[in-house]
Amino acid sequence: MTDENSLQAAGDKDQDLDAERTVAEAPATGDARVDDAVAGLSRLRDRPAEEHVAVLEEVHGRLRDILDDLGPSGPGQP
């Protein structure tokens, strides 16, 4: 790593990366329950990184519950 790269990397740490972050909107799935669960991901932008895991686990749990409501599905089953 050259000195120029070292200085550039050090300067990157001082940037406000949150100000540059963009959040893409998820496309509609056609299932209101899924759309509502996925919309919960929008809360990530308002929370510090250490709280992201809790939000992701909540959304994941909601999606798993929706799949469980659909019943078992496997090879040869609709």
C-alpha atoms as a PDB file:
ATOM      1  CA  MET A   1       0.000   0.000   0.000  1.00  0.00           C
ATOM      2  CA  THR A   2       1.458   3.363  -0.975  1.00  0.00           C
ATOM      3  CA  ASP A   3       1.499   6.417   1.251  1.00  0.00           C
ATOM      4  CA  GLU A   4      -1.078   8.029  -1.024  1.00  0.00           C
ATOM      5  CA  ASN A   5      -3.447   5.094  -0.528  1.00  0.00           C
ATOM      6  CA  SER A   6      -2.835   5.167   3.235  1.00  0.00           C
ATOM      7  CA  LEU A   7      -3.807   8.829   3.405  1.00  0.00           C
ATOM      8  CA  GLN A   8      -6.875   8.254   1.266  1.00  0.00           C
ATOM      9  CA  ALA A   9      -8.004   5.317   3.442  1.00  0.00           C
ATOM     10  CA  ALA A  10      -7.482   7.361   6.603  1.00  0.00           C
ATOM     11  CA  GLY A  11      -9.584  10.190   5.156  1.00  0.00           C
ATOM     12  CA  ASP A  12     -12.391   7.772   4.316  1.00  0.00           C
ATOM     13  CA  LYS A  13     -12.895   7.078   8.017  1.00  0.00           C
ATOM     14  CA  ASP A  14     -13.825  10.704   8.593  1.00  0.00           C
ATOM     15  CA  GLN A  15     -16.584  10.774   5.976  1.00  0.00           C
ATOM     16  CA  ASP A  16     -20.223  10.727   7.011  1.00  0.00           C
ATOM     17  CA  LEU A  17     -21.225   7.578   5.162  1.00  0.00           C
ATOM     18  CA  ASP A  18     -24.792   7.687   6.504  1.00  0.00           C
ATOM     19  CA  ALA A  19     -25.411  10.898   4.566  1.00  0.00           C
ATOM     20  CA  GLU A  20     -24.418   9.135   1.336  1.00  0.00           C
ATOM     21  CA  ARG A  21     -26.418   5.973   1.939  1.00  0.00           C
ATOM     22  CA  THR A  22     -29.474   5.400  -0.219  1.00  0.00           C
ATOM     23  CA  VAL A  23     -32.251   2.955   0.485  1.00  0.00           C
ATOM     24  CA  ALA A  24     -33.919   1.143  -2.376  1.00  0.00           C
ATOM     25  CA  GLU A  25     -37.620   0.507  -2.176  1.00  0.00           C
ATOM     26  CA  ALA A  26     -38.577  -3.149  -2.397  1.00  0.00           C
ATOM     27  CA  PRO A  27     -40.944  -3.993  -5.245  1.00  0.00           C
ATOM     28  CA  ALA A  28     -44.448  -5.130  -4.309  1.00  0.00           C
ATOM     29  CA  THR A  29     -44.772  -8.886  -3.993  1.00  0.00           C
ATOM     30  CA  GLY A  30     -48.524  -9.132  -4.394  1.00  0.00           C
ATOM     31  CA  ASP A  31     -48.950 -10.409  -0.814  1.00  0.00           C
ATOM     32  CA  ALA A  32     -49.795  -7.626   1.623  1.00  0.00           C
ATOM     33  CA  ARG A  33     -48.356  -9.577   4.581  1.00  0.00           C
ATOM     34  CA  VAL A  34     -44.998  -9.980   2.840  1.00  0.00           C
ATOM     35  CA  ASP A  35     -44.969  -6.372   1.667  1.00  0.00           C
ATOM     36  CA  ASP A  36     -45.697  -5.218   5.232  1.00  0.00           C
ATOM     37  CA  ALA A  37     -42.916  -7.401   6.663  1.00  0.00           C
ATOM     38  CA  VAL A  38     -40.368  -6.234   4.077  1.00  0.00           C
ATOM     39  CA  ALA A  39     -41.387  -2.614   4.696  1.00  0.00           C
ATOM     40  CA  GLY A  40     -40.055  -3.125   8.216  1.00  0.00           C
ATOM     41  CA  LEU A  41     -36.573  -3.016   6.708  1.00  0.00           C
ATOM     42  CA  SER A  42     -37.032   0.724   6.199  1.00  0.00           C
ATOM     43  CA  ARG A  43     -36.498   1.103   9.959  1.00  0.00           C
ATOM     44  CA  LEU A  44     -32.828   0.230   9.433  1.00  0.00           C
ATOM     45  CA  ARG A  45     -31.994   3.722   8.173  1.00  0.00           C
ATOM     46  CA  ASP A  46     -33.213   5.303  11.422  1.00  0.00           C
ATOM     47  CA  ARG A  47     -31.297   3.008  13.748  1.00  0.00           C
ATOM     48  CA  PRO A  48     -27.659   2.649  14.694  1.00  0.00           C
ATOM     49  CA  ALA A  49     -25.836  -0.351  13.220  1.00  0.00           C
ATOM     50  CA  GLU A  50     -25.847  -2.217  16.530  1.00  0.00           C
ATOM     51  CA  GLU A  51     -29.666  -2.358  16.374  1.00  0.00           C
ATOM     52  CA  HIS A  52     -29.824  -3.700  12.798  1.00  0.00           C
ATOM     53  CA  VAL A  53     -29.641  -7.343  13.866  1.00  0.00           C
ATOM     54  CA  ALA A  54     -32.815  -7.005  15.946  1.00  0.00           C
ATOM     55  CA  VAL A  55     -34.711  -5.416  13.050  1.00  0.00           C
ATOM     56  CA  LEU A  56     -33.478  -8.060  10.593  1.00  0.00           C
ATOM     57  CA  GLU A  57     -34.430 -10.875  12.985  1.00  0.00           C
ATOM     58  CA  GLU A  58     -37.906  -9.406  13.434  1.00  0.00           C
ATOM     59  CA  VAL A  59     -38.490  -9.149   9.673  1.00  0.00           C
ATOM     60  CA  HIS A  60     -37.078 -12.639   9.138  1.00  0.00           C
ATOM     61  CA  GLY A  61     -39.373 -14.018  11.838  1.00  0.00           C
ATOM     62  CA  ARG A  62     -42.409 -12.399  10.245  1.00  0.00           C
ATOM     63  CA  LEU A  63     -41.510 -13.840   6.844  1.00  0.00           C
ATOM     64  CA  ARG A  64     -40.998 -17.311   8.350  1.00  0.00           C
ATOM     65  CA  ASP A  65     -44.414 -17.072  10.040  1.00  0.00           C
ATOM     66  CA  ILE A  66     -45.983 -16.238   6.680  1.00  0.00           C
ATOM     67  CA  LEU A  67     -44.292 -19.256   5.088  1.00  0.00           C
ATOM     68  CA  ASP A  68     -45.458 -21.464   7.962  1.00  0.00           C
ATOM     69  CA  ASP A  69     -49.039 -20.251   7.394  1.00  0.00           C
ATOM     70  CA  LEU A  70     -48.768 -21.417   3.791  1.00  0.00           C
ATOM     71  CA  GLY A  71     -48.165 -24.988   4.965  1.00  0.00           C
ATOM     72  CA  PRO A  72     -45.584 -27.548   4.008  1.00  0.00           C
ATOM     73  CA  SER A  73     -44.273 -27.427   0.510  1.00  0.00           C
ATOM     74  CA  GLY A  74     -41.788 -29.768  -0.995  1.00  0.00           C
ATOM     75  CA  PRO A  75     -41.096 -31.789  -4.117  1.00  0.00           C
ATOM     76  CA  GLY A  76     -44.345 -33.030  -5.600  1.00  0.00           C
ATOM     77  CA  GLN A  77     -46.498 -30.791  -3.379  1.00  0.00           C
ATOM     78  CA  PRO A  78     -48.266 -27.657  -4.620  1.00  0.00           C
END
